[in-house]
Amino acid sequence: MGSLRIYATTGLVIANLSTFAHAAKLEDVAPYPKAEAGFTRQVIHLPKQAQEENFQVEILAGKTLEVDCNRQKLDGILDEKSLQGWGYPFYHLENVIGPTSTMMACPPGSKKKRAFVPVVGDGFMLRYNSKLPVVVYAPSNVEVRYRIWSASDKTGTALQE
């Protein structure tokens, strides 16, 4: 009976430590640099997953702009860098240009609306790792959002042709 209490208490302590790790401030994880002038440091704390190799994180950086019926996008590259002395990755988004859009005529009576316009480019799909925060340095006028992708258990078999 005494051993059951120890295991239960140990489980609670481990659960609390796990929660604390995700609630910790970025400075408690590693000495990530402050954002330089004209940039913001935006941080994503990912929840722990059972099989993290089956997940990816898509970084959706962009701006909320007034758009018409055409498809809009911003261009840029999310560059991975390494935190000196720690080896932890962080990401830097520079040279955000645009927006560019398709130039189709909009239907008569269509109205402009405010919508999130994403930066499209290389480096926006990242390996999932809940042990480290995803740290993105982006221009001050760019918002960083994210989406979690997961793999299906269902697989297909290639044909030999």
C-alpha atoms as a PDB file:
ATOM      1  CA  MET A   1       0.000   0.000   0.000  1.00  0.00           C
ATOM      2  CA  GLY A   2       2.852   2.380   0.825  1.00  0.00           C
ATOM      3  CA  SER A   3       4.454   1.812  -2.580  1.00  0.00           C
ATOM      4  CA  LEU A   4       1.216   2.799  -4.337  1.00  0.00           C
ATOM      5  CA  ARG A   5       1.294   6.156  -2.617  1.00  0.00           C
ATOM      6  CA  ILE A   6       4.891   6.716  -3.657  1.00  0.00           C
ATOM      7  CA  TYR A   7       4.093   5.942  -7.295  1.00  0.00           C
ATOM      8  CA  ALA A   8       1.002   8.156  -7.243  1.00  0.00           C
ATOM      9  CA  THR A   9       2.951  11.017  -5.670  1.00  0.00           C
ATOM     10  CA  THR A  10       5.817  10.538  -8.121  1.00  0.00           C
ATOM     11  CA  GLY A  11       3.324  10.658 -10.995  1.00  0.00           C
ATOM     12  CA  LEU A  12       1.883  13.925  -9.719  1.00  0.00           C
ATOM     13  CA  VAL A  13       5.353  15.443  -9.338  1.00  0.00           C
ATOM     14  CA  ILE A  14       6.288  14.419 -12.886  1.00  0.00           C
ATOM     15  CA  ALA A  15       3.001  15.835 -14.230  1.00  0.00           C
ATOM     16  CA  ASN A  16       3.617  19.125 -12.409  1.00  0.00           C
ATOM     17  CA  LEU A  17       7.195  19.363 -13.691  1.00  0.00           C
ATOM     18  CA  SER A  18       5.975  18.770 -17.239  1.00  0.00           C
ATOM     19  CA  THR A  19       3.384  21.545 -16.872  1.00  0.00           C
ATOM     20  CA  PHE A  20       6.010  23.843 -15.368  1.00  0.00           C
ATOM     21  CA  ALA A  21       8.395  23.244 -18.281  1.00  0.00           C
ATOM     22  CA  HIS A  22       5.796  24.509 -20.765  1.00  0.00           C
ATOM     23  CA  ALA A  23       4.907  27.488 -18.571  1.00  0.00           C
ATOM     24  CA  ALA A  24       8.554  28.496 -18.083  1.00  0.00           C
ATOM     25  CA  LYS A  25       9.758  31.778 -19.514  1.00  0.00           C
ATOM     26  CA  LEU A  26      11.981  31.644 -22.570  1.00  0.00           C
ATOM     27  CA  GLU A  27      14.925  32.999 -20.570  1.00  0.00           C
ATOM     28  CA  ASP A  28      14.646  29.959 -18.272  1.00  0.00           C
ATOM     29  CA  VAL A  29      15.184  27.619 -21.249  1.00  0.00           C
ATOM     30  CA  ALA A  30      18.237  29.245 -22.848  1.00  0.00           C
ATOM     31  CA  PRO A  31      19.717  32.706 -23.456  1.00  0.00           C
ATOM     32  CA  TYR A  32      17.896  33.498 -26.720  1.00  0.00           C
ATOM     33  CA  PRO A  33      18.884  36.992 -27.878  1.00  0.00           C
ATOM     34  CA  LYS A  34      16.470  39.900 -27.599  1.00  0.00           C
ATOM     35  CA  ALA A  35      14.875  41.017 -30.850  1.00  0.00           C
ATOM     36  CA  GLU A  36      16.872  43.579 -32.801  1.00  0.00           C
ATOM     37  CA  ALA A  37      15.374  46.949 -33.758  1.00  0.00           C
ATOM     38  CA  GLY A  38      12.449  46.564 -36.164  1.00  0.00           C
ATOM     39  CA  PHE A  39      11.880  42.905 -35.187  1.00  0.00           C
ATOM     40  CA  THR A  40       9.879  41.010 -32.570  1.00  0.00           C
ATOM     41  CA  ARG A  41      10.680  37.699 -30.920  1.00  0.00           C
ATOM     42  CA  GLN A  42       7.636  35.427 -31.103  1.00  0.00           C
ATOM     43  CA  VAL A  43       7.566  32.097 -29.255  1.00  0.00           C
ATOM     44  CA  ILE A  44       5.515  28.923 -29.693  1.00  0.00           C
ATOM     45  CA  HIS A  45       5.374  26.346 -26.869  1.00  0.00           C
ATOM     46  CA  LEU A  46       4.228  23.040 -28.360  1.00  0.00           C
ATOM     47  CA  PRO A  47       2.219  20.496 -26.370  1.00  0.00           C
ATOM     48  CA  LYS A  48       3.814  17.089 -25.787  1.00  0.00           C
ATOM     49  CA  GLN A  49       2.659  14.389 -28.231  1.00  0.00           C
ATOM     50  CA  ALA A  50       2.923  10.612 -27.838  1.00  0.00           C
ATOM     51  CA  GLN A  51       4.811  10.036 -31.107  1.00  0.00           C
ATOM     52  CA  GLU A  52       6.288  13.388 -32.057  1.00  0.00           C
ATOM     53  CA  GLU A  53       7.953  11.940 -35.159  1.00  0.00           C
ATOM     54  CA  ASN A  54       4.431  11.816 -36.664  1.00  0.00           C
ATOM     55  CA  PHE A  55       3.957  15.591 -36.337  1.00  0.00           C
ATOM     56  CA  GLN A  56       5.242  18.742 -37.999  1.00  0.00           C
ATOM     57  CA  VAL A  57       4.763  22.443 -37.302  1.00  0.00           C
ATOM     58  CA  GLU A  58       3.925  24.848 -40.103  1.00  0.00           C
ATOM     59  CA  ILE A  59       4.910  28.441 -39.426  1.00  0.00           C
ATOM     60  CA  LEU A  60       2.304  30.841 -40.802  1.00  0.00           C
ATOM     61  CA  ALA A  61       3.866  34.285 -40.727  1.00  0.00           C
ATOM     62  CA  GLY A  62       1.978  37.093 -42.381  1.00  0.00           C
ATOM     63  CA  LYS A  63      -0.013  40.295 -42.187  1.00  0.00           C
ATOM     64  CA  THR A  64      -3.694  41.120 -41.991  1.00  0.00           C
ATOM     65  CA  LEU A  65      -4.378  43.212 -45.092  1.00  0.00           C
ATOM     66  CA  GLU A  66      -7.303  44.508 -47.090  1.00  0.00           C
ATOM     67  CA  VAL A  67      -7.735  42.119 -50.022  1.00  0.00           C
ATOM     68  CA  ASP A  68     -10.051  41.626 -52.962  1.00  0.00           C
ATOM     69  CA  CYS A  69     -11.154  38.350 -54.589  1.00  0.00           C
ATOM     70  CA  ASN A  70      -7.640  37.521 -55.849  1.00  0.00           C
ATOM     71  CA  ARG A  71      -5.213  35.192 -54.065  1.00  0.00           C
ATOM     72  CA  GLN A  72      -2.669  37.190 -52.097  1.00  0.00           C
ATOM     73  CA  LYS A  73       0.733  36.232 -50.692  1.00  0.00           C
ATOM     74  CA  LEU A  74       3.867  37.716 -49.252  1.00  0.00           C
ATOM     75  CA  ASP A  75       7.305  36.344 -50.107  1.00  0.00           C
ATOM     76  CA  GLY A  76      10.104  35.522 -47.707  1.00  0.00           C
ATOM     77  CA  ILE A  77      12.479  32.863 -46.387  1.00  0.00           C
ATOM     78  CA  LEU A  78      12.462  31.506 -42.857  1.00  0.00           C
ATOM     79  CA  ASP A  79      16.142  30.984 -42.093  1.00  0.00           C
ATOM     80  CA  GLU A  80      17.145  28.478 -39.372  1.00  0.00           C
ATOM     81  CA  LYS A  81      19.971  29.576 -37.106  1.00  0.00           C
ATOM     82  CA  SER A  82      21.622  27.898 -34.115  1.00  0.00           C
ATOM     83  CA  LEU A  83      21.868  29.384 -30.629  1.00  0.00           C
ATOM     84  CA  GLN A  84      25.603  29.748 -30.070  1.00  0.00           C
ATOM     85  CA  GLY A  85      26.914  27.368 -27.415  1.00  0.00           C
ATOM     86  CA  TRP A  86      23.585  25.568 -27.041  1.00  0.00           C
ATOM     87  CA  GLY A  87      22.842  24.223 -30.511  1.00  0.00           C
ATOM     88  CA  TYR A  88      19.140  25.023 -30.155  1.00  0.00           C
ATOM     89  CA  PRO A  89      17.446  26.146 -33.379  1.00  0.00           C
ATOM     90  CA  PHE A  90      15.706  29.477 -33.812  1.00  0.00           C
ATOM     91  CA  TYR A  91      14.315  31.107 -36.919  1.00  0.00           C
ATOM     92  CA  HIS A  92      14.763  34.482 -38.574  1.00  0.00           C
ATOM     93  CA  LEU A  93      12.325  35.878 -41.131  1.00  0.00           C
ATOM     94  CA  GLU A  94      13.777  38.637 -43.272  1.00  0.00           C
ATOM     95  CA  ASN A  95      13.052  40.353 -46.554  1.00  0.00           C
ATOM     96  CA  VAL A  96       9.286  40.027 -46.427  1.00  0.00           C
ATOM     97  CA  ILE A  97       8.114  41.505 -49.711  1.00  0.00           C
ATOM     98  CA  GLY A  98       4.763  41.962 -51.337  1.00  0.00           C
ATOM     99  CA  PRO A  99       1.941  41.431 -51.351  1.00  0.00           C
ATOM    100  CA  THR A 100       1.663  39.896 -54.766  1.00  0.00           C
ATOM    101  CA  SER A 101      -1.593  38.563 -56.113  1.00  0.00           C
ATOM    102  CA  THR A 102      -3.304  36.998 -59.044  1.00  0.00           C
ATOM    103  CA  MET A 103      -4.611  39.756 -61.278  1.00  0.00           C
ATOM    104  CA  MET A 104      -8.029  38.380 -62.173  1.00  0.00           C
ATOM    105  CA  ALA A 105     -11.005  40.678 -62.502  1.00  0.00           C
ATOM    106  CA  CYS A 106     -13.276  40.437 -59.478  1.00  0.00           C
ATOM    107  CA  PRO A 107     -17.002  39.849 -59.996  1.00  0.00           C
ATOM    108  CA  PRO A 108     -19.149  42.985 -60.056  1.00  0.00           C
ATOM    109  CA  GLY A 109     -20.252  44.006 -56.577  1.00  0.00           C
ATOM    110  CA  SER A 110     -17.514  42.069 -54.768  1.00  0.00           C
ATOM    111  CA  LYS A 111     -16.133  43.912 -51.783  1.00  0.00           C
ATOM    112  CA  LYS A 112     -12.696  44.079 -50.252  1.00  0.00           C
ATOM    113  CA  LYS A 113     -12.203  42.451 -46.849  1.00  0.00           C
ATOM    114  CA  ARG A 114      -9.504  42.156 -44.213  1.00  0.00           C
ATOM    115  CA  ALA A 115      -7.746  38.795 -44.280  1.00  0.00           C
ATOM    116  CA  PHE A 116      -4.529  37.176 -43.079  1.00  0.00           C
ATOM    117  CA  VAL A 117      -2.029  37.054 -45.965  1.00  0.00           C
ATOM    118  CA  PRO A 118       0.744  34.486 -45.346  1.00  0.00           C
ATOM    119  CA  VAL A 119       4.412  34.634 -46.235  1.00  0.00           C
ATOM    120  CA  VAL A 120       5.093  31.847 -48.731  1.00  0.00           C
ATOM    121  CA  GLY A 121       8.629  30.553 -49.183  1.00  0.00           C
ATOM    122  CA  ASP A 122      11.173  28.020 -47.996  1.00  0.00           C
ATOM    123  CA  GLY A 123      11.691  26.690 -44.485  1.00  0.00           C
ATOM    124  CA  PHE A 124       8.185  27.023 -43.030  1.00  0.00           C
ATOM    125  CA  MET A 125       7.620  23.294 -42.217  1.00  0.00           C
ATOM    126  CA  LEU A 126       9.513  22.341 -39.060  1.00  0.00           C
ATOM    127  CA  ARG A 127      10.203  19.150 -37.153  1.00  0.00           C
ATOM    128  CA  TYR A 128       7.969  18.804 -34.092  1.00  0.00           C
ATOM    129  CA  ASN A 129       9.817  18.995 -30.776  1.00  0.00           C
ATOM    130  CA  SER A 130       7.856  19.855 -27.627  1.00  0.00           C
ATOM    131  CA  LYS A 131      11.039  19.917 -25.524  1.00  0.00           C
ATOM    132  CA  LEU A 132      12.153  23.234 -27.043  1.00  0.00           C
ATOM    133  CA  PRO A 133      10.160  26.355 -27.861  1.00  0.00           C
ATOM    134  CA  VAL A 134       9.918  27.461 -31.488  1.00  0.00           C
ATOM    135  CA  VAL A 135      11.488  30.937 -31.474  1.00  0.00           C
ATOM    136  CA  VAL A 136      10.868  33.166 -34.497  1.00  0.00           C
ATOM    137  CA  TYR A 137      12.350  36.623 -35.046  1.00  0.00           C
ATOM    138  CA  ALA A 138      10.070  38.436 -37.477  1.00  0.00           C
ATOM    139  CA  PRO A 139       9.676  42.027 -38.673  1.00  0.00           C
ATOM    140  CA  SER A 140       7.562  44.083 -36.243  1.00  0.00           C
ATOM    141  CA  ASN A 141       4.651  44.282 -38.674  1.00  0.00           C
ATOM    142  CA  VAL A 142       4.497  40.492 -39.198  1.00  0.00           C
ATOM    143  CA  GLU A 143       2.360  38.181 -37.049  1.00  0.00           C
ATOM    144  CA  VAL A 144       3.481  34.591 -36.464  1.00  0.00           C
ATOM    145  CA  ARG A 145       0.815  31.892 -36.332  1.00  0.00           C
ATOM    146  CA  TYR A 146       1.269  28.136 -36.573  1.00  0.00           C
ATOM    147  CA  ARG A 147      -0.518  24.962 -37.552  1.00  0.00           C
ATOM    148  CA  ILE A 148       0.231  21.418 -36.343  1.00  0.00           C
ATOM    149  CA  TRP A 149       0.235  18.659 -38.974  1.00  0.00           C
ATOM    150  CA  SER A 150      -0.053  14.983 -38.131  1.00  0.00           C
ATOM    151  CA  ALA A 151       0.579  11.871 -40.179  1.00  0.00           C
ATOM    152  CA  SER A 152      -2.168   9.349 -40.738  1.00  0.00           C
ATOM    153  CA  ASP A 153      -1.725   5.767 -39.576  1.00  0.00           C
ATOM    154  CA  LYS A 154      -2.977   4.709 -42.982  1.00  0.00           C
ATOM    155  CA  THR A 155      -0.227   4.102 -45.556  1.00  0.00           C
ATOM    156  CA  GLY A 156      -0.202   3.150 -49.178  1.00  0.00           C
ATOM    157  CA  THR A 157       2.104   0.819 -51.072  1.00  0.00           C
ATOM    158  CA  ALA A 158       3.915   1.922 -54.205  1.00  0.00           C
ATOM    159  CA  LEU A 159       3.505  -0.196 -57.296  1.00  0.00           C
ATOM    160  CA  GLN A 160       6.489  -1.602 -59.170  1.00  0.00           C
ATOM    161  CA  GLU A 161       6.106  -0.498 -62.760  1.00  0.00           C
END
